[in-house]
N, C-alpha and C. Protein backbone atom coordinates (compact mmCIF):
# COMPACT_ATOMS: atom_id res chain seq x y z
N MET A 1 51.51 -18.94 63.83
CA MET A 1 51.20 -18.57 65.01
C MET A 1 51.71 -17.97 66.21
N SER A 2 51.07 -17.88 67.27
CA SER A 2 52.32 -17.04 67.85
C SER A 2 53.21 -17.61 68.78
N ARG A 3 54.48 -16.81 68.39
CA ARG A 3 55.74 -16.72 68.62
C ARG A 3 57.01 -15.73 69.17
N ILE A 4 57.76 -15.83 69.84
CA ILE A 4 58.85 -14.87 69.81
C ILE A 4 59.72 -14.50 69.15
N ASP A 5 59.83 -13.31 68.51
CA ASP A 5 60.87 -12.79 66.86
C ASP A 5 62.21 -12.96 67.73
N THR A 6 63.29 -13.80 67.84
CA THR A 6 64.27 -13.95 68.23
C THR A 6 65.64 -13.30 67.80
N ALA A 7 65.33 -12.90 66.69
CA ALA A 7 66.16 -11.79 65.95
C ALA A 7 65.78 -10.28 66.64
N LEU A 8 64.65 -10.13 67.45
CA LEU A 8 64.81 -8.74 67.58
C LEU A 8 65.48 -8.83 68.95
N ASP A 9 65.46 -7.69 69.95
CA ASP A 9 66.08 -7.15 71.30
C ASP A 9 64.64 -7.03 72.18
N PHE A 10 64.55 -7.41 73.07
CA PHE A 10 63.78 -7.06 74.10
C PHE A 10 63.63 -5.87 74.38
N MET A 11 62.29 -5.32 74.73
CA MET A 11 61.98 -3.56 74.84
C MET A 11 61.46 -3.59 76.79
N PRO A 12 62.24 -3.45 77.19
CA PRO A 12 61.41 -3.65 78.92
C PRO A 12 60.49 -2.20 78.87
N VAL A 13 59.44 -2.15 79.51
CA VAL A 13 58.35 -1.20 79.36
C VAL A 13 58.08 -1.20 81.18
N ARG A 14 57.64 -0.07 81.23
CA ARG A 14 57.58 0.53 82.92
C ARG A 14 55.85 0.30 83.08
N ILE A 15 55.82 -0.58 84.68
CA ILE A 15 54.56 -1.17 84.54
C ILE A 15 53.88 -0.31 86.04
N ALA A 16 53.21 -0.05 86.32
CA ALA A 16 52.41 0.26 87.85
C ALA A 16 51.17 -1.01 87.97
N ILE A 17 51.73 -0.67 89.43
CA ILE A 17 50.65 -2.27 90.15
C ILE A 17 49.70 -1.35 90.93
N LEU A 18 48.40 -1.53 90.97
CA LEU A 18 47.34 -0.61 91.47
C LEU A 18 46.88 -2.21 91.90
N THR A 19 46.75 -2.72 93.43
CA THR A 19 46.16 -3.22 93.65
C THR A 19 44.36 -2.71 94.88
N VAL A 20 43.67 -2.49 94.62
CA VAL A 20 42.14 -2.35 95.04
C VAL A 20 41.95 -2.90 96.12
N SER A 21 41.95 -3.02 96.99
CA SER A 21 41.30 -3.87 98.49
C SER A 21 40.72 -2.72 99.97
N ASP A 22 39.76 -2.85 100.04
CA ASP A 22 39.09 -2.51 101.41
C ASP A 22 40.04 -2.99 102.75
N SER A 23 40.83 -3.96 102.72
CA SER A 23 41.13 -4.51 103.72
C SER A 23 42.84 -5.29 103.87
N ARG A 24 43.68 -4.90 102.67
CA ARG A 24 44.76 -5.71 102.26
C ARG A 24 46.17 -4.52 102.56
N SER A 25 46.92 -4.83 103.11
CA SER A 25 48.19 -3.89 103.15
C SER A 25 49.47 -4.46 102.45
N ILE A 26 49.99 -3.94 101.77
CA ILE A 26 51.17 -4.27 100.70
C ILE A 26 51.77 -6.01 101.42
N SER A 27 52.20 -5.73 102.73
CA SER A 27 52.37 -6.96 102.96
C SER A 27 51.43 -8.17 103.11
N GLU A 28 50.18 -8.24 102.81
CA GLU A 28 49.12 -8.97 102.83
C GLU A 28 49.08 -9.19 101.27
N ASP A 29 49.12 -8.51 100.20
CA ASP A 29 49.09 -8.06 98.79
C ASP A 29 49.44 -9.33 97.98
N LYS A 30 49.26 -10.47 98.25
CA LYS A 30 49.45 -11.50 97.72
C LYS A 30 49.25 -11.24 95.94
N SER A 31 48.41 -10.98 95.37
CA SER A 31 48.03 -10.52 94.15
C SER A 31 49.32 -9.38 93.42
N GLY A 32 49.28 -8.56 94.32
CA GLY A 32 50.22 -7.91 94.15
C GLY A 32 51.46 -8.00 93.44
N ASP A 33 51.86 -9.05 95.07
CA ASP A 33 53.48 -9.69 94.72
C ASP A 33 53.42 -10.38 93.83
N VAL A 34 52.17 -11.35 93.43
CA VAL A 34 52.50 -12.10 91.91
C VAL A 34 52.86 -11.28 90.97
N LEU A 35 51.96 -10.67 90.62
CA LEU A 35 52.24 -9.17 89.45
C LEU A 35 53.95 -8.46 89.43
N VAL A 36 54.34 -8.20 90.71
CA VAL A 36 55.62 -7.58 90.53
C VAL A 36 56.11 -9.00 89.96
N ALA A 37 56.70 -9.87 90.97
CA ALA A 37 57.23 -11.07 90.52
C ALA A 37 57.60 -11.14 89.43
N ARG A 38 56.46 -11.46 88.48
CA ARG A 38 56.30 -12.07 87.15
C ARG A 38 56.81 -10.98 86.46
N LEU A 39 56.46 -9.27 86.55
CA LEU A 39 56.87 -8.80 85.31
C LEU A 39 57.90 -8.20 85.31
N LEU A 40 58.77 -8.18 86.57
CA LEU A 40 60.23 -8.37 87.03
C LEU A 40 61.00 -9.55 86.27
N GLY A 41 60.65 -10.72 86.45
CA GLY A 41 61.09 -11.64 85.90
C GLY A 41 61.19 -11.84 84.42
N ALA A 42 60.31 -10.90 83.92
CA ALA A 42 59.91 -10.87 82.35
C ALA A 42 60.86 -10.10 81.65
N GLY A 43 61.89 -9.22 82.53
CA GLY A 43 63.09 -8.19 82.36
C GLY A 43 62.01 -6.44 81.98
N HIS A 44 60.84 -6.57 82.83
CA HIS A 44 60.22 -5.39 82.51
C HIS A 44 60.63 -4.61 84.23
N GLU A 45 60.39 -3.27 83.91
CA GLU A 45 60.30 -2.08 84.97
C GLU A 45 59.18 -2.11 86.16
N LEU A 46 59.36 -1.94 87.12
CA LEU A 46 58.51 -1.54 88.26
C LEU A 46 58.34 -0.09 88.29
N ALA A 47 57.22 0.42 87.58
CA ALA A 47 57.13 2.26 87.64
C ALA A 47 56.65 2.60 89.09
N ASP A 48 55.55 1.82 89.40
CA ASP A 48 55.04 2.31 91.16
C ASP A 48 54.28 1.17 91.36
N ARG A 49 53.71 1.39 92.79
CA ARG A 49 53.14 0.10 93.43
C ARG A 49 51.49 0.67 94.68
N ARG A 50 50.96 0.67 94.24
CA ARG A 50 49.91 1.15 95.35
C ARG A 50 48.94 0.06 95.45
N ILE A 51 47.91 0.48 96.76
CA ILE A 51 46.92 0.36 97.05
C ILE A 51 46.12 0.75 97.66
N LEU A 52 44.92 0.82 97.03
CA LEU A 52 43.89 1.78 97.17
C LEU A 52 42.32 0.97 97.52
N PRO A 53 41.40 1.78 98.39
CA PRO A 53 40.02 1.05 98.74
C PRO A 53 39.01 1.10 97.72
N ASP A 54 38.26 0.31 97.48
CA ASP A 54 37.46 -0.20 96.56
C ASP A 54 36.72 1.28 96.88
N GLU A 55 37.05 2.43 95.76
CA GLU A 55 36.69 3.87 95.64
C GLU A 55 37.21 3.87 94.34
N ARG A 56 35.63 4.08 93.45
CA ARG A 56 35.37 4.82 91.66
C ARG A 56 36.50 6.11 92.19
N ASP A 57 35.87 6.79 92.49
CA ASP A 57 37.39 8.24 92.17
C ASP A 57 38.58 8.28 92.86
N GLN A 58 38.86 7.57 93.53
CA GLN A 58 40.20 7.48 94.60
C GLN A 58 41.10 6.12 92.90
N ILE A 59 40.03 5.45 92.82
CA ILE A 59 40.68 4.13 91.79
C ILE A 59 40.78 4.98 90.68
N ALA A 60 40.05 5.97 89.88
CA ALA A 60 40.12 6.28 88.37
C ALA A 60 41.24 7.64 88.86
N GLY A 61 41.47 8.23 89.64
CA GLY A 61 42.38 9.44 89.97
C GLY A 61 43.30 9.05 90.03
N GLN A 62 43.58 7.67 90.50
CA GLN A 62 45.45 7.28 90.20
C GLN A 62 46.03 6.85 88.75
N LEU A 63 44.99 6.18 88.38
CA LEU A 63 44.34 5.82 87.12
C LEU A 63 44.89 7.20 86.26
N ARG A 64 44.40 8.47 86.41
CA ARG A 64 44.91 9.07 85.79
C ARG A 64 46.13 9.74 85.77
N VAL A 65 46.33 10.21 86.98
CA VAL A 65 47.67 10.44 87.74
C VAL A 65 48.83 9.43 86.78
N TRP A 66 48.72 7.87 86.95
CA TRP A 66 49.38 7.28 85.90
C TRP A 66 49.73 7.45 84.48
N CYS A 67 48.45 7.94 84.02
CA CYS A 67 48.75 8.43 82.95
C CYS A 67 49.33 9.04 81.86
N GLU A 68 49.44 10.33 83.08
CA GLU A 68 49.75 11.73 82.69
C GLU A 68 51.09 11.62 82.90
N ASP A 69 51.53 10.58 83.22
CA ASP A 69 52.86 10.38 83.99
C ASP A 69 54.13 9.32 83.12
N ASN A 70 54.80 10.05 82.30
CA ASN A 70 55.68 9.66 80.78
C ASN A 70 56.95 8.41 81.23
N ALA A 71 56.51 8.17 82.51
CA ALA A 71 57.27 7.56 83.34
C ALA A 71 56.66 5.89 83.56
N VAL A 72 55.13 5.97 83.03
CA VAL A 72 54.16 4.81 83.12
C VAL A 72 54.16 4.43 81.75
N ASP A 73 54.08 3.41 81.08
CA ASP A 73 53.40 2.72 79.80
C ASP A 73 52.76 1.77 80.04
N VAL A 74 52.43 1.22 81.29
CA VAL A 74 51.40 0.11 81.48
C VAL A 74 50.68 0.46 83.13
N VAL A 75 49.79 0.13 83.15
CA VAL A 75 48.92 0.07 84.54
C VAL A 75 48.09 -1.61 84.57
N ILE A 76 48.72 -1.64 85.51
CA ILE A 76 47.56 -3.12 85.83
C ILE A 76 46.83 -3.41 87.19
N SER A 77 45.62 -2.88 87.55
CA SER A 77 45.08 -3.36 88.57
C SER A 77 44.89 -5.00 89.27
N THR A 78 44.52 -4.84 90.10
CA THR A 78 43.83 -6.16 90.58
C THR A 78 42.74 -6.11 91.79
N GLY A 79 41.84 -6.21 91.53
CA GLY A 79 40.69 -6.50 92.37
C GLY A 79 40.28 -5.47 92.14
N GLY A 80 38.36 -5.96 92.67
CA GLY A 80 37.54 -5.11 92.34
C GLY A 80 36.88 -5.34 91.53
N THR A 81 36.76 -6.47 90.66
CA THR A 81 36.49 -6.62 89.68
C THR A 81 35.16 -8.38 89.30
N GLY A 82 34.35 -7.99 90.40
CA GLY A 82 33.26 -8.33 90.54
C GLY A 82 32.33 -8.21 90.48
N LEU A 83 31.34 -8.33 91.21
CA LEU A 83 30.15 -8.46 90.92
C LEU A 83 29.41 -7.73 92.17
N THR A 84 29.85 -7.63 93.35
CA THR A 84 29.55 -7.12 94.27
C THR A 84 29.07 -5.72 94.50
N GLY A 85 28.78 -5.14 95.44
CA GLY A 85 28.48 -3.90 94.85
C GLY A 85 29.52 -2.71 95.70
N ARG A 86 30.40 -3.20 96.06
CA ARG A 86 31.51 -2.55 96.43
C ARG A 86 33.12 -3.00 95.71
N ASP A 87 32.86 -3.88 94.38
CA ASP A 87 33.77 -4.31 93.41
C ASP A 87 33.51 -3.24 92.11
N VAL A 88 34.50 -1.63 91.89
CA VAL A 88 34.24 -0.49 91.02
C VAL A 88 35.24 -0.12 90.46
N THR A 89 35.93 -1.48 90.68
CA THR A 89 37.15 -0.85 89.64
C THR A 89 37.01 -0.92 87.86
N VAL A 90 36.37 -1.96 87.58
CA VAL A 90 35.97 -1.74 85.74
C VAL A 90 35.36 -0.48 85.66
N GLU A 91 34.42 0.14 86.66
CA GLU A 91 33.39 1.24 86.55
C GLU A 91 34.62 2.61 86.41
N ALA A 92 35.99 2.39 87.84
CA ALA A 92 36.83 3.49 87.37
C ALA A 92 37.70 3.06 86.32
N HIS A 93 37.88 1.93 85.78
CA HIS A 93 38.58 2.15 84.71
C HIS A 93 37.78 2.74 83.61
N ARG A 94 37.09 2.43 83.31
CA ARG A 94 36.27 2.94 82.19
C ARG A 94 36.12 4.35 82.35
N ASP A 95 35.81 4.98 83.24
CA ASP A 95 36.10 6.35 83.53
C ASP A 95 37.01 7.33 82.44
N VAL A 96 38.27 6.02 82.45
CA VAL A 96 39.75 6.72 82.76
C VAL A 96 39.99 6.36 81.02
N TYR A 97 39.09 5.00 80.52
CA TYR A 97 39.59 4.65 79.04
C TYR A 97 39.28 5.71 77.77
N GLU A 98 40.25 5.94 76.99
CA GLU A 98 39.61 6.56 75.77
C GLU A 98 39.27 5.07 74.55
N LYS A 99 39.94 4.51 74.87
CA LYS A 99 39.53 3.26 74.45
C LYS A 99 39.10 1.82 74.67
N GLU A 100 38.39 0.93 74.86
CA GLU A 100 38.65 -0.04 75.69
C GLU A 100 39.08 -1.20 74.60
N ILE A 101 39.74 -2.34 75.08
CA ILE A 101 40.41 -3.14 73.66
C ILE A 101 39.28 -4.48 74.65
N ASP A 102 38.17 -4.53 73.82
CA ASP A 102 37.22 -5.67 74.35
C ASP A 102 37.83 -7.22 74.29
N ALA A 103 38.72 -7.23 73.43
CA ALA A 103 38.58 -8.70 73.57
C ALA A 103 39.41 -9.23 74.48
N PHE A 104 40.29 -8.05 75.40
CA PHE A 104 40.93 -8.42 76.42
C PHE A 104 39.92 -9.47 77.38
N GLY A 105 39.35 -8.85 77.67
CA GLY A 105 38.60 -9.63 78.53
C GLY A 105 37.49 -10.83 78.24
N THR A 106 37.32 -10.68 77.16
CA THR A 106 36.66 -12.50 75.88
C THR A 106 38.38 -12.99 76.42
N VAL A 107 39.37 -12.68 75.90
CA VAL A 107 40.57 -13.87 75.86
C VAL A 107 40.65 -14.21 77.30
N PHE A 108 40.66 -13.05 78.92
CA PHE A 108 40.71 -13.71 79.78
C PHE A 108 39.72 -14.82 80.42
N THR A 109 38.36 -14.64 79.76
CA THR A 109 37.30 -15.09 80.12
C THR A 109 37.58 -16.43 79.33
N ILE A 110 38.04 -16.81 78.44
CA ILE A 110 38.42 -17.73 78.22
C ILE A 110 39.68 -18.82 78.45
N VAL A 111 40.72 -17.57 79.24
CA VAL A 111 41.52 -18.55 79.85
C VAL A 111 41.40 -19.38 81.28
N SER A 112 40.52 -18.38 81.41
CA SER A 112 39.94 -18.52 83.29
C SER A 112 38.81 -19.64 82.94
N MET A 113 38.01 -19.86 81.87
CA MET A 113 37.41 -21.28 81.93
C MET A 113 38.06 -22.66 81.77
N GLN A 114 39.10 -22.37 81.35
CA GLN A 114 40.49 -23.73 81.19
C GLN A 114 40.64 -24.01 82.68
N LYS A 115 40.74 -23.08 83.25
CA LYS A 115 41.02 -23.24 84.99
C LYS A 115 40.07 -23.40 85.91
N ILE A 116 39.15 -22.54 85.98
CA ILE A 116 37.75 -22.32 86.91
C ILE A 116 36.77 -23.01 86.51
N GLY A 117 36.64 -23.05 84.84
CA GLY A 117 35.65 -23.81 84.67
C GLY A 117 34.15 -22.50 84.79
N THR A 118 33.25 -22.52 84.17
CA THR A 118 31.80 -21.64 84.18
C THR A 118 32.11 -20.86 85.37
N SER A 119 32.57 -20.70 86.47
CA SER A 119 33.08 -19.76 87.31
C SER A 119 33.66 -18.51 86.55
N ALA A 120 34.39 -18.52 85.48
CA ALA A 120 35.05 -17.43 85.16
C ALA A 120 33.76 -16.48 84.32
N VAL A 121 32.67 -16.98 84.53
CA VAL A 121 31.65 -15.66 84.24
C VAL A 121 31.41 -14.60 85.09
N GLN A 122 31.78 -15.04 85.82
CA GLN A 122 31.83 -13.82 86.90
C GLN A 122 32.94 -12.56 87.65
N SER A 123 33.91 -13.23 86.09
CA SER A 123 34.43 -11.90 86.01
C SER A 123 34.29 -10.89 85.54
N ARG A 124 34.84 -9.45 85.41
CA ARG A 124 34.72 -8.54 84.49
C ARG A 124 35.98 -7.68 83.97
N ALA A 125 37.23 -8.86 84.09
CA ALA A 125 38.24 -8.37 83.76
C ALA A 125 38.29 -7.16 82.59
N THR A 126 39.13 -6.19 82.43
CA THR A 126 39.16 -5.57 81.01
C THR A 126 40.27 -4.81 81.20
N GLY A 127 40.51 -4.02 79.34
CA GLY A 127 41.83 -3.67 79.45
C GLY A 127 41.05 -2.60 78.39
N GLY A 128 42.29 -1.28 78.12
CA GLY A 128 41.68 0.02 78.06
C GLY A 128 43.00 0.17 77.55
N VAL A 129 43.10 1.73 77.09
CA VAL A 129 43.92 2.94 76.49
C VAL A 129 43.46 4.38 76.87
N ALA A 130 44.22 4.55 77.78
CA ALA A 130 44.00 6.28 77.91
C ALA A 130 45.49 7.19 78.25
N ASN A 131 45.52 8.24 76.66
CA ASN A 131 46.69 9.13 77.02
C ASN A 131 47.93 8.26 76.87
N GLY A 132 47.77 6.92 75.84
CA GLY A 132 48.99 6.52 75.43
C GLY A 132 49.33 5.65 76.61
N THR A 133 48.63 4.82 77.53
CA THR A 133 48.75 4.29 78.37
C THR A 133 48.13 2.61 78.51
N TYR A 134 48.64 1.61 78.10
CA TYR A 134 47.85 0.34 78.20
C TYR A 134 47.16 0.88 80.25
N LEU A 135 46.00 0.23 80.04
CA LEU A 135 45.06 0.32 81.82
C LEU A 135 44.53 -1.86 81.14
N PHE A 136 44.75 -2.43 82.53
CA PHE A 136 44.16 -3.67 82.70
C PHE A 136 43.53 -3.77 83.87
N ALA A 137 42.95 -4.41 84.15
CA ALA A 137 41.79 -4.64 85.45
C ALA A 137 41.95 -6.38 85.47
N LEU A 138 42.57 -6.74 86.65
CA LEU A 138 42.84 -8.02 86.46
C LEU A 138 41.37 -8.71 87.80
N PRO A 139 41.23 -9.54 88.37
CA PRO A 139 40.45 -10.29 89.47
C PRO A 139 41.46 -10.09 91.10
N GLY A 140 41.25 -10.46 91.82
CA GLY A 140 41.74 -9.80 92.85
C GLY A 140 42.69 -11.36 93.47
N SER A 141 42.45 -12.23 92.66
CA SER A 141 42.87 -13.55 93.32
C SER A 141 44.06 -13.92 92.43
N PRO A 142 45.06 -14.21 93.60
CA PRO A 142 46.76 -14.59 93.21
C PRO A 142 46.70 -15.39 91.88
N GLY A 143 45.49 -16.45 91.49
CA GLY A 143 45.63 -17.47 90.46
C GLY A 143 45.22 -16.74 89.10
N ALA A 144 44.24 -15.91 89.57
CA ALA A 144 43.82 -15.04 88.37
C ALA A 144 44.82 -13.42 87.66
N CYS A 145 45.51 -13.81 88.49
CA CYS A 145 46.86 -12.43 87.74
C CYS A 145 47.49 -13.56 87.39
N LYS A 146 47.88 -14.57 88.01
CA LYS A 146 49.39 -15.19 87.42
C LYS A 146 48.53 -15.75 86.04
N ASP A 147 47.15 -16.32 85.71
CA ASP A 147 46.52 -16.65 84.37
C ASP A 147 46.67 -15.22 83.23
N ALA A 148 46.17 -14.25 83.91
CA ALA A 148 46.20 -13.04 82.79
C ALA A 148 47.74 -12.62 82.46
N TRP A 149 48.91 -12.50 83.51
CA TRP A 149 50.28 -12.21 83.17
C TRP A 149 50.85 -13.58 82.43
N ASP A 150 50.44 -14.72 82.51
CA ASP A 150 51.28 -15.88 81.74
C ASP A 150 50.71 -16.39 80.49
N GLU A 151 49.14 -16.50 80.99
CA GLU A 151 48.25 -16.06 79.16
C GLU A 151 48.46 -15.13 78.65
N ILE A 152 48.37 -13.77 78.13
CA ILE A 152 48.40 -12.90 77.44
C ILE A 152 49.49 -11.88 77.66
N LEU A 153 49.29 -11.04 79.11
CA LEU A 153 50.10 -9.99 79.59
C LEU A 153 51.77 -10.28 78.82
N VAL A 154 52.16 -11.34 79.06
CA VAL A 154 53.29 -11.65 78.94
C VAL A 154 53.81 -11.69 77.66
N LYS A 155 52.93 -12.00 77.17
CA LYS A 155 53.32 -12.57 75.23
C LYS A 155 52.61 -10.96 74.68
N GLN A 156 51.80 -10.37 75.33
CA GLN A 156 51.58 -8.85 74.60
C GLN A 156 52.37 -7.52 74.83
N LEU A 157 53.09 -7.71 76.18
CA LEU A 157 53.92 -6.52 76.49
C LEU A 157 55.73 -7.14 76.08
N ASP A 158 55.46 -7.90 75.16
CA ASP A 158 57.06 -8.57 74.90
C ASP A 158 56.63 -7.94 73.24
N TYR A 159 58.02 -6.81 72.69
CA TYR A 159 57.74 -6.69 71.81
C TYR A 159 58.66 -7.35 70.84
N ARG A 160 59.51 -8.84 70.75
CA ARG A 160 59.46 -9.59 70.23
C ARG A 160 58.43 -10.89 69.36
N HIS A 161 56.93 -10.71 70.32
CA HIS A 161 56.12 -11.64 70.38
C HIS A 161 55.23 -11.49 69.05
N ARG A 162 55.10 -12.11 68.04
CA ARG A 162 54.47 -12.35 67.03
C ARG A 162 53.09 -13.20 66.84
N PRO A 163 52.57 -12.91 66.37
CA PRO A 163 52.21 -11.83 64.33
C PRO A 163 52.19 -10.29 65.17
N CYS A 164 52.04 -9.64 66.56
CA CYS A 164 51.61 -8.36 66.55
C CYS A 164 52.08 -8.45 68.61
N ASN A 165 51.65 -7.36 68.61
CA ASN A 165 52.04 -6.92 70.44
C ASN A 165 51.36 -5.20 70.86
N PHE A 166 51.38 -5.48 72.01
CA PHE A 166 50.78 -4.06 72.51
C PHE A 166 52.03 -3.22 72.91
N VAL A 167 52.92 -3.67 72.41
CA VAL A 167 54.44 -3.06 72.22
C VAL A 167 54.60 -2.11 71.52
N GLU A 168 54.56 -2.68 70.54
CA GLU A 168 55.04 -2.31 68.89
C GLU A 168 54.07 -0.89 68.58
N ILE A 169 52.65 -1.30 68.83
CA ILE A 169 52.15 0.01 68.88
C ILE A 169 52.20 1.19 69.23
N MET A 170 52.36 1.07 70.68
CA MET A 170 52.78 2.13 71.90
C MET A 170 52.95 3.76 71.08
N PRO A 171 53.83 3.65 70.77
CA PRO A 171 54.27 5.09 69.95
C PRO A 171 53.16 5.96 69.15
N ARG A 172 52.17 5.12 68.74
CA ARG A 172 51.24 5.46 68.22
C ARG A 172 49.99 5.70 68.97
N LEU A 173 49.70 5.05 70.03
CA LEU A 173 48.30 5.15 71.12
C LEU A 173 47.66 6.60 70.89
N ASP A 174 48.73 7.73 71.30
CA ASP A 174 48.37 8.84 71.32
C ASP A 174 48.73 9.41 70.45
N GLU A 175 48.63 9.00 69.00
CA GLU A 175 48.54 10.38 67.64
C GLU A 175 47.77 11.10 67.32
N ASN A 176 46.88 10.41 68.23
CA ASN A 176 45.63 11.80 67.64
C ASN A 176 45.73 12.54 68.64
N GLN A 177 46.05 12.54 69.77
CA GLN A 177 46.68 13.44 70.19
C GLN A 177 47.65 14.98 69.93
N ARG A 178 48.46 14.32 69.12
CA ARG A 178 49.37 15.11 68.36
C ARG A 178 49.58 15.86 67.54
N ARG A 179 48.48 15.53 66.93
CA ARG A 179 48.12 16.00 65.38
C ARG A 179 47.16 17.54 65.53
N LYS A 180 46.48 17.44 67.04
CA LYS A 180 46.02 18.75 67.51
C LYS A 180 46.71 20.17 67.32
């Protein structure tokens, strides 16, 4: 079963946070605040933090910038994963992904079902990889960000987590590009 191998050293990763909102500012960004507090509390580094409107091209553009930045290992966005016309974060993420982490959305739905029941079907949380960078799109509520971090990301972004984790394969995420 899932466990932390205390014989291994913790390896911090550099995480950028993107809040997608047409109406929030940094001072009103509770979901972004939750993610920043949790990643810092876990021992990771905040690489950058931004807020962008619900505009697919702008979101995808920022994701690409961070994927090209060697100082960013992981990007977590919050907001824009719902079903309304302005919810375009998932599409922007998929514009950037080289590979989608299909099970991330499934596991997030399982976690959400335990908290909010069938309302979990309204989320389109997603994860993927591009240019050796992990990308995760979470719903815009602080509760959803807590759930995704506490139940999935804190474990998968910890090198000591067993039986496996995202950090241990980071050096190999872009191996296909290095061979060219």
